[in-house]
Amino acid sequence: MPIVDPFQVALTFMDRLPKAGLPAVVRERTERLRAGFASFERARDAKRAADAPAARGRVPGVSYGLALAVRDENGMSQILQFFALPLILFTGILLPMSLAPQWMRTVAQVNPLYHAVEAGRALFAGDLAGGHVALAFALMAVLAVPTLAWSVRSMRHLAG
């Protein structure tokens, strides 16, 4: 069963509205809504493109490897929260790093997820030439190799 995309449904519905016979105000507002939905769709697609390297390589490898090593739901949850909260805090998602104290900004510079977030923001802004995008892709590729190897080794160990 295909996944329903709400933006695509709204755009399709607006395309099927009759253009003739509608008052000018309704036509104008429909076009504004359509433009708004289209901009949301472009923003969502840019975010997906920015998140793709992290989602495909590094993060699932770590979580699969940990799950196979711990083999306990409660322990797995505690371990993930222990690592996830500081990682997310130092990415600049919850708190803009410009408002953070200097020590947090320094720690954020060594957090690879910070660079991934900055790359996503740069891609969203259309800044493909900035250094954040290349650095984030390089960091995610470098981190994907050991986490994927660890996950595969854990799966093979589990299989026998």
N, C-alpha and C. Protein backbone atom coordinates (compact mmCIF):
# COMPACT_ATOMS: atom_id res chain seq x y z
N MET A 1 0.84 -1.18 0.00
CA MET A 1 0.00 0.00 0.00
C MET A 1 0.89 1.24 0.00
N PRO A 2 0.71 2.15 -0.96
CA PRO A 2 1.56 3.33 -1.03
C PRO A 2 1.27 4.29 0.13
N ILE A 3 2.30 5.02 0.52
CA ILE A 3 2.17 6.02 1.57
C ILE A 3 1.51 7.26 0.99
N VAL A 4 0.53 7.80 1.70
CA VAL A 4 -0.19 8.98 1.23
C VAL A 4 0.60 10.22 1.64
N ASP A 5 0.89 11.06 0.69
CA ASP A 5 1.61 12.30 0.94
C ASP A 5 0.58 13.43 1.02
N PRO A 6 0.40 14.03 2.21
CA PRO A 6 -0.66 15.05 2.35
C PRO A 6 -0.44 16.27 1.47
N PHE A 7 0.82 16.65 1.25
CA PHE A 7 1.07 17.80 0.39
C PHE A 7 0.67 17.50 -1.04
N GLN A 8 0.98 16.29 -1.50
CA GLN A 8 0.62 15.91 -2.86
C GLN A 8 -0.89 15.81 -3.03
N VAL A 9 -1.58 15.32 -2.01
CA VAL A 9 -3.05 15.24 -2.05
C VAL A 9 -3.64 16.63 -2.16
N ALA A 10 -3.14 17.57 -1.34
CA ALA A 10 -3.66 18.94 -1.37
C ALA A 10 -3.38 19.59 -2.71
N LEU A 11 -2.18 19.40 -3.25
CA LEU A 11 -1.85 19.99 -4.55
C LEU A 11 -2.71 19.39 -5.66
N THR A 12 -2.93 18.09 -5.62
CA THR A 12 -3.77 17.44 -6.63
C THR A 12 -5.20 17.94 -6.55
N PHE A 13 -5.71 18.08 -5.32
CA PHE A 13 -7.06 18.59 -5.14
C PHE A 13 -7.19 20.01 -5.69
N MET A 14 -6.20 20.85 -5.41
CA MET A 14 -6.26 22.23 -5.89
C MET A 14 -6.12 22.31 -7.40
N ASP A 15 -5.38 21.37 -8.00
CA ASP A 15 -5.27 21.35 -9.46
C ASP A 15 -6.58 20.98 -10.12
N ARG A 16 -7.39 20.18 -9.42
CA ARG A 16 -8.66 19.72 -10.00
C ARG A 16 -9.80 20.71 -9.80
N LEU A 17 -9.58 21.74 -9.00
CA LEU A 17 -10.63 22.75 -8.82
C LEU A 17 -10.88 23.45 -10.14
N PRO A 18 -12.12 23.71 -10.45
CA PRO A 18 -12.40 24.43 -11.71
C PRO A 18 -11.89 25.86 -11.60
N LYS A 19 -11.19 26.30 -12.63
CA LYS A 19 -10.64 27.66 -12.63
C LYS A 19 -11.69 28.67 -13.09
N ALA A 20 -12.48 28.27 -14.06
CA ALA A 20 -13.49 29.17 -14.59
C ALA A 20 -14.72 29.14 -13.69
N GLY A 21 -15.37 30.25 -13.54
CA GLY A 21 -16.60 30.32 -12.79
C GLY A 21 -16.39 30.61 -11.31
N LEU A 22 -15.17 30.57 -10.84
CA LEU A 22 -14.91 30.89 -9.45
C LEU A 22 -14.65 32.39 -9.31
N PRO A 23 -15.08 32.98 -8.22
CA PRO A 23 -14.76 34.40 -8.01
C PRO A 23 -13.25 34.60 -7.96
N ALA A 24 -12.83 35.78 -8.32
CA ALA A 24 -11.40 36.09 -8.37
C ALA A 24 -10.73 35.91 -7.00
N VAL A 25 -11.43 36.24 -5.94
CA VAL A 25 -10.87 36.11 -4.59
C VAL A 25 -10.58 34.65 -4.27
N VAL A 26 -11.50 33.75 -4.64
CA VAL A 26 -11.32 32.33 -4.37
C VAL A 26 -10.15 31.80 -5.20
N ARG A 27 -10.07 32.19 -6.46
CA ARG A 27 -8.97 31.74 -7.32
C ARG A 27 -7.62 32.21 -6.76
N GLU A 28 -7.59 33.48 -6.32
CA GLU A 28 -6.34 34.04 -5.79
C GLU A 28 -5.91 33.31 -4.51
N ARG A 29 -6.86 33.06 -3.63
CA ARG A 29 -6.52 32.38 -2.38
C ARG A 29 -6.12 30.92 -2.63
N THR A 30 -6.76 30.30 -3.59
CA THR A 30 -6.39 28.92 -3.94
C THR A 30 -4.95 28.88 -4.47
N GLU A 31 -4.59 29.84 -5.29
CA GLU A 31 -3.23 29.88 -5.83
C GLU A 31 -2.21 30.16 -4.71
N ARG A 32 -2.57 31.01 -3.76
CA ARG A 32 -1.67 31.26 -2.63
C ARG A 32 -1.48 30.00 -1.79
N LEU A 33 -2.59 29.29 -1.54
CA LEU A 33 -2.49 28.03 -0.80
C LEU A 33 -1.63 27.02 -1.54
N ARG A 34 -1.84 26.96 -2.86
CA ARG A 34 -1.07 26.02 -3.66
C ARG A 34 0.41 26.35 -3.60
N ALA A 35 0.75 27.64 -3.68
CA ALA A 35 2.15 28.05 -3.59
C ALA A 35 2.72 27.72 -2.21
N GLY A 36 1.91 27.91 -1.18
CA GLY A 36 2.36 27.57 0.18
C GLY A 36 2.62 26.09 0.33
N PHE A 37 1.70 25.25 -0.17
CA PHE A 37 1.90 23.80 -0.10
C PHE A 37 3.14 23.38 -0.89
N ALA A 38 3.33 24.00 -2.06
CA ALA A 38 4.49 23.66 -2.86
C ALA A 38 5.78 24.04 -2.15
N SER A 39 5.81 25.18 -1.45
CA SER A 39 7.02 25.57 -0.73
C SER A 39 7.27 24.64 0.45
N PHE A 40 6.21 24.21 1.15
CA PHE A 40 6.38 23.24 2.23
C PHE A 40 6.94 21.93 1.67
N GLU A 41 6.44 21.52 0.52
CA GLU A 41 6.91 20.27 -0.08
C GLU A 41 8.39 20.36 -0.45
N ARG A 42 8.81 21.50 -1.00
CA ARG A 42 10.23 21.68 -1.33
C ARG A 42 11.09 21.68 -0.07
N ALA A 43 10.62 22.34 0.98
CA ALA A 43 11.37 22.38 2.24
C ALA A 43 11.49 20.98 2.84
N ARG A 44 10.41 20.22 2.80
CA ARG A 44 10.44 18.86 3.33
C ARG A 44 11.41 17.99 2.54
N ASP A 45 11.40 18.14 1.21
CA ASP A 45 12.31 17.35 0.38
C ASP A 45 13.76 17.72 0.66
N ALA A 46 14.04 19.02 0.89
CA ALA A 46 15.40 19.44 1.21
C ALA A 46 15.84 18.87 2.55
N LYS A 47 14.92 18.83 3.51
CA LYS A 47 15.26 18.27 4.82
C LYS A 47 15.53 16.77 4.70
N ARG A 48 14.72 16.07 3.90
CA ARG A 48 14.95 14.64 3.70
C ARG A 48 16.31 14.39 3.06
N ALA A 49 16.68 15.24 2.11
CA ALA A 49 17.98 15.06 1.46
C ALA A 49 19.11 15.31 2.44
N ALA A 50 18.93 16.27 3.35
CA ALA A 50 19.97 16.56 4.33
C ALA A 50 20.07 15.46 5.37
N ASP A 51 18.94 14.85 5.74
CA ASP A 51 18.94 13.81 6.76
C ASP A 51 19.30 12.43 6.22
N ALA A 52 19.30 12.26 4.91
CA ALA A 52 19.48 10.93 4.33
C ALA A 52 20.79 10.24 4.72
N PRO A 53 21.94 10.91 4.70
CA PRO A 53 23.17 10.17 5.06
C PRO A 53 23.14 9.65 6.49
N ALA A 54 22.66 10.44 7.42
CA ALA A 54 22.62 10.01 8.82
C ALA A 54 21.62 8.88 9.00
N ALA A 55 20.48 8.99 8.34
CA ALA A 55 19.44 7.99 8.54
C ALA A 55 19.80 6.66 7.90
N ARG A 56 20.54 6.68 6.81
CA ARG A 56 20.84 5.44 6.13
C ARG A 56 22.04 4.70 6.70
N GLY A 57 23.05 5.40 7.14
CA GLY A 57 24.27 4.71 7.48
C GLY A 57 24.56 4.61 8.95
N ARG A 58 24.75 5.70 9.61
CA ARG A 58 25.33 5.69 10.93
C ARG A 58 24.34 5.34 12.02
N VAL A 59 23.21 5.99 12.08
CA VAL A 59 22.29 5.83 13.21
C VAL A 59 21.71 4.41 13.28
N PRO A 60 21.19 3.83 12.21
CA PRO A 60 20.68 2.46 12.34
C PRO A 60 21.78 1.47 12.70
N GLY A 61 22.99 1.67 12.20
CA GLY A 61 24.07 0.76 12.54
C GLY A 61 24.34 0.74 14.02
N VAL A 62 24.36 1.90 14.66
CA VAL A 62 24.60 1.98 16.09
C VAL A 62 23.45 1.34 16.86
N SER A 63 22.23 1.68 16.51
CA SER A 63 21.09 1.16 17.28
C SER A 63 20.94 -0.35 17.11
N TYR A 64 21.19 -0.89 15.91
CA TYR A 64 21.11 -2.34 15.71
C TYR A 64 22.20 -3.05 16.51
N GLY A 65 23.40 -2.51 16.45
CA GLY A 65 24.50 -3.12 17.19
C GLY A 65 24.25 -3.11 18.69
N LEU A 66 23.75 -1.98 19.22
CA LEU A 66 23.45 -1.90 20.65
C LEU A 66 22.33 -2.87 21.04
N ALA A 67 21.30 -2.95 20.22
CA ALA A 67 20.19 -3.84 20.53
C ALA A 67 20.64 -5.29 20.58
N LEU A 68 21.52 -5.66 19.67
CA LEU A 68 22.02 -7.03 19.67
C LEU A 68 22.95 -7.29 20.85
N ALA A 69 23.69 -6.28 21.28
CA ALA A 69 24.61 -6.46 22.39
C ALA A 69 23.88 -6.48 23.73
N VAL A 70 22.87 -5.63 23.90
CA VAL A 70 22.19 -5.51 25.19
C VAL A 70 21.13 -6.58 25.37
N ARG A 71 20.32 -6.81 24.36
CA ARG A 71 19.23 -7.80 24.37
C ARG A 71 18.21 -7.56 25.47
N ASP A 72 18.02 -6.32 25.87
CA ASP A 72 17.05 -5.96 26.89
C ASP A 72 16.47 -4.61 26.53
N GLU A 73 15.16 -4.51 26.44
CA GLU A 73 14.52 -3.27 26.03
C GLU A 73 14.79 -2.12 27.00
N ASN A 74 14.71 -2.40 28.29
CA ASN A 74 14.93 -1.33 29.28
C ASN A 74 16.37 -0.84 29.25
N GLY A 75 17.30 -1.76 29.18
CA GLY A 75 18.70 -1.37 29.11
C GLY A 75 19.00 -0.60 27.84
N MET A 76 18.40 -1.03 26.75
CA MET A 76 18.61 -0.35 25.46
C MET A 76 18.10 1.08 25.53
N SER A 77 16.93 1.27 26.11
CA SER A 77 16.35 2.61 26.23
C SER A 77 17.24 3.52 27.06
N GLN A 78 17.74 3.02 28.17
CA GLN A 78 18.59 3.83 29.03
C GLN A 78 19.90 4.19 28.35
N ILE A 79 20.48 3.24 27.64
CA ILE A 79 21.74 3.52 26.94
C ILE A 79 21.53 4.57 25.86
N LEU A 80 20.47 4.41 25.07
CA LEU A 80 20.22 5.37 23.99
C LEU A 80 19.95 6.76 24.53
N GLN A 81 19.18 6.87 25.60
CA GLN A 81 18.90 8.19 26.18
C GLN A 81 20.17 8.81 26.76
N PHE A 82 21.03 7.99 27.35
CA PHE A 82 22.27 8.48 27.93
C PHE A 82 23.13 9.16 26.87
N PHE A 83 23.16 8.59 25.66
CA PHE A 83 23.97 9.15 24.59
C PHE A 83 23.21 10.16 23.74
N ALA A 84 21.92 9.93 23.53
CA ALA A 84 21.15 10.75 22.59
C ALA A 84 20.93 12.17 23.09
N LEU A 85 20.59 12.32 24.36
CA LEU A 85 20.28 13.67 24.85
C LEU A 85 21.46 14.63 24.74
N PRO A 86 22.66 14.25 25.20
CA PRO A 86 23.78 15.19 25.00
C PRO A 86 24.11 15.42 23.53
N LEU A 87 24.02 14.36 22.71
CA LEU A 87 24.30 14.56 21.29
C LEU A 87 23.34 15.55 20.67
N ILE A 88 22.05 15.42 21.00
CA ILE A 88 21.06 16.33 20.44
C ILE A 88 21.22 17.74 21.01
N LEU A 89 21.54 17.83 22.29
CA LEU A 89 21.73 19.15 22.90
C LEU A 89 22.85 19.91 22.22
N PHE A 90 23.92 19.21 21.88
CA PHE A 90 25.07 19.87 21.26
C PHE A 90 24.98 19.96 19.75
N THR A 91 23.82 19.68 19.15
CA THR A 91 23.67 19.87 17.71
C THR A 91 23.18 21.26 17.37
N GLY A 92 22.54 21.92 18.31
CA GLY A 92 21.97 23.22 18.02
C GLY A 92 20.53 23.13 17.59
N ILE A 93 19.91 21.97 17.72
CA ILE A 93 18.50 21.83 17.37
C ILE A 93 17.62 22.38 18.48
N LEU A 94 17.92 22.01 19.73
CA LEU A 94 17.11 22.45 20.85
C LEU A 94 17.44 23.87 21.29
N LEU A 95 18.68 24.25 21.17
CA LEU A 95 19.15 25.57 21.60
C LEU A 95 20.09 26.09 20.52
N PRO A 96 19.79 27.26 19.96
CA PRO A 96 20.72 27.79 18.96
C PRO A 96 22.10 27.98 19.58
N MET A 97 23.12 27.51 18.91
CA MET A 97 24.47 27.59 19.45
C MET A 97 24.93 29.03 19.62
N SER A 98 24.33 29.97 18.90
CA SER A 98 24.70 31.37 19.09
C SER A 98 24.28 31.88 20.46
N LEU A 99 23.29 31.26 21.09
CA LEU A 99 22.84 31.64 22.43
C LEU A 99 23.52 30.82 23.52
N ALA A 100 24.25 29.81 23.14
CA ALA A 100 24.88 28.91 24.11
C ALA A 100 26.17 29.52 24.64
N PRO A 101 26.58 29.08 25.84
CA PRO A 101 27.87 29.54 26.36
C PRO A 101 29.02 29.04 25.48
N GLN A 102 30.16 29.64 25.63
CA GLN A 102 31.32 29.31 24.79
C GLN A 102 31.72 27.84 24.91
N TRP A 103 31.66 27.26 26.09
CA TRP A 103 32.07 25.87 26.26
C TRP A 103 31.16 24.93 25.47
N MET A 104 29.85 25.28 25.38
CA MET A 104 28.94 24.44 24.59
C MET A 104 29.23 24.57 23.10
N ARG A 105 29.59 25.76 22.66
CA ARG A 105 29.93 25.95 21.25
C ARG A 105 31.18 25.17 20.89
N THR A 106 32.13 25.11 21.82
CA THR A 106 33.36 24.36 21.59
C THR A 106 33.07 22.86 21.50
N VAL A 107 32.24 22.36 22.41
CA VAL A 107 31.87 20.95 22.37
C VAL A 107 31.09 20.63 21.10
N ALA A 108 30.22 21.55 20.69
CA ALA A 108 29.42 21.32 19.49
C ALA A 108 30.30 21.17 18.25
N GLN A 109 31.42 21.85 18.20
CA GLN A 109 32.30 21.76 17.03
C GLN A 109 32.87 20.36 16.83
N VAL A 110 32.98 19.57 17.91
CA VAL A 110 33.50 18.20 17.76
C VAL A 110 32.37 17.17 17.65
N ASN A 111 31.13 17.62 17.71
CA ASN A 111 29.98 16.73 17.55
C ASN A 111 29.64 16.61 16.07
N PRO A 112 29.74 15.41 15.49
CA PRO A 112 29.44 15.28 14.06
C PRO A 112 28.00 15.62 13.72
N LEU A 113 27.08 15.41 14.63
CA LEU A 113 25.68 15.73 14.34
C LEU A 113 25.46 17.24 14.22
N TYR A 114 26.26 18.03 14.91
CA TYR A 114 26.18 19.49 14.77
C TYR A 114 26.42 19.88 13.31
N HIS A 115 27.43 19.27 12.72
CA HIS A 115 27.75 19.59 11.33
C HIS A 115 26.66 19.10 10.38
N ALA A 116 26.02 17.97 10.71
CA ALA A 116 24.91 17.49 9.89
C ALA A 116 23.73 18.45 9.96
N VAL A 117 23.45 18.98 11.15
CA VAL A 117 22.35 19.95 11.30
C VAL A 117 22.68 21.23 10.55
N GLU A 118 23.90 21.70 10.68
CA GLU A 118 24.30 22.91 9.95
C GLU A 118 24.24 22.70 8.44
N ALA A 119 24.59 21.50 7.99
CA ALA A 119 24.50 21.19 6.56
C ALA A 119 23.05 21.19 6.11
N GLY A 120 22.16 20.64 6.93
CA GLY A 120 20.73 20.67 6.60
C GLY A 120 20.21 22.10 6.50
N ARG A 121 20.64 22.94 7.41
CA ARG A 121 20.24 24.35 7.35
C ARG A 121 20.80 25.04 6.11
N ALA A 122 22.04 24.71 5.77
CA ALA A 122 22.65 25.31 4.58
C ALA A 122 21.92 24.84 3.32
N LEU A 123 21.58 23.55 3.26
CA LEU A 123 20.84 23.05 2.10
C LEU A 123 19.45 23.68 2.01
N PHE A 124 18.82 23.85 3.16
CA PHE A 124 17.50 24.48 3.17
C PHE A 124 17.57 25.91 2.67
N ALA A 125 18.66 26.60 3.01
CA ALA A 125 18.85 27.98 2.56
C ALA A 125 19.35 28.06 1.13
N GLY A 126 19.69 26.92 0.53
CA GLY A 126 20.16 26.91 -0.85
C GLY A 126 21.65 27.17 -0.96
N ASP A 127 22.39 27.08 0.13
CA ASP A 127 23.83 27.33 0.14
C ASP A 127 24.58 26.02 -0.06
N LEU A 128 24.73 25.60 -1.29
CA LEU A 128 25.41 24.35 -1.59
C LEU A 128 26.92 24.49 -1.59
N ALA A 129 27.40 25.70 -1.72
CA ALA A 129 28.85 25.91 -1.82
C ALA A 129 29.51 26.04 -0.45
N GLY A 130 28.73 26.16 0.61
CA GLY A 130 29.30 26.31 1.95
C GLY A 130 30.04 25.05 2.39
N GLY A 131 30.94 25.22 3.33
CA GLY A 131 31.74 24.10 3.79
C GLY A 131 30.99 23.12 4.66
N HIS A 132 29.83 23.53 5.21
CA HIS A 132 29.10 22.64 6.11
C HIS A 132 28.59 21.39 5.40
N VAL A 133 28.15 21.53 4.17
CA VAL A 133 27.58 20.39 3.45
C VAL A 133 28.65 19.33 3.18
N ALA A 134 29.76 19.74 2.63
CA ALA A 134 30.83 18.78 2.33
C ALA A 134 31.39 18.14 3.60
N LEU A 135 31.58 18.95 4.64
CA LEU A 135 32.09 18.43 5.90
C LEU A 135 31.12 17.41 6.51
N ALA A 136 29.83 17.72 6.48
CA ALA A 136 28.84 16.80 7.05
C ALA A 136 28.80 15.48 6.29
N PHE A 137 28.80 15.55 4.97
CA PHE A 137 28.78 14.31 4.19
C PHE A 137 30.05 13.49 4.43
N ALA A 138 31.19 14.15 4.54
CA ALA A 138 32.44 13.43 4.81
C ALA A 138 32.41 12.78 6.19
N LEU A 139 31.95 13.53 7.20
CA LEU A 139 31.87 12.97 8.56
C LEU A 139 30.91 11.79 8.63
N MET A 140 29.76 11.92 7.99
CA MET A 140 28.79 10.83 8.03
C MET A 140 29.31 9.60 7.30
N ALA A 141 30.04 9.79 6.22
CA ALA A 141 30.62 8.65 5.50
C ALA A 141 31.68 7.97 6.34
N VAL A 142 32.52 8.77 7.00
CA VAL A 142 33.57 8.19 7.85
C VAL A 142 32.96 7.45 9.02
N LEU A 143 31.91 7.99 9.63
CA LEU A 143 31.29 7.34 10.78
C LEU A 143 30.41 6.14 10.38
N ALA A 144 29.94 6.13 9.15
CA ALA A 144 29.10 5.02 8.69
C ALA A 144 29.89 3.73 8.58
N VAL A 145 31.15 3.82 8.22
CA VAL A 145 31.95 2.61 8.00
C VAL A 145 32.11 1.79 9.28
N PRO A 146 32.61 2.36 10.39
CA PRO A 146 32.77 1.50 11.58
C PRO A 146 31.44 1.06 12.20
N THR A 147 30.43 1.92 12.16
CA THR A 147 29.16 1.52 12.76
C THR A 147 28.49 0.42 11.93
N LEU A 148 28.59 0.51 10.62
CA LEU A 148 28.03 -0.54 9.78
C LEU A 148 28.80 -1.85 9.97
N ALA A 149 30.12 -1.75 10.07
CA ALA A 149 30.93 -2.96 10.30
C ALA A 149 30.57 -3.59 11.64
N TRP A 150 30.40 -2.77 12.66
CA TRP A 150 30.03 -3.28 13.99
C TRP A 150 28.66 -3.96 13.95
N SER A 151 27.72 -3.33 13.27
CA SER A 151 26.38 -3.90 13.17
C SER A 151 26.39 -5.22 12.41
N VAL A 152 27.11 -5.28 11.31
CA VAL A 152 27.19 -6.52 10.52
C VAL A 152 27.87 -7.62 11.34
N ARG A 153 28.95 -7.28 12.05
CA ARG A 153 29.63 -8.26 12.88
C ARG A 153 28.69 -8.80 13.97
N SER A 154 27.90 -7.90 14.56
CA SER A 154 26.94 -8.32 15.60
C SER A 154 25.90 -9.24 15.01
N MET A 155 25.40 -8.93 13.81
CA MET A 155 24.40 -9.79 13.17
C MET A 155 24.98 -11.16 12.85
N ARG A 156 26.21 -11.20 12.36
CA ARG A 156 26.84 -12.47 12.03
C ARG A 156 27.09 -13.29 13.29
N HIS A 157 27.48 -12.62 14.36
CA HIS A 157 27.69 -13.31 15.64
C HIS A 157 26.37 -13.90 16.14
N LEU A 158 25.29 -13.14 15.98
CA LEU A 158 23.98 -13.61 16.41
C LEU A 158 23.52 -14.81 15.56
N ALA A 159 23.81 -14.74 14.25
CA ALA A 159 23.38 -15.81 13.35
C ALA A 159 24.16 -17.11 13.59
N GLY A 160 25.31 -17.01 14.20
CA GLY A 160 26.01 -18.24 14.52
C GLY A 160 27.33 -18.30 13.91
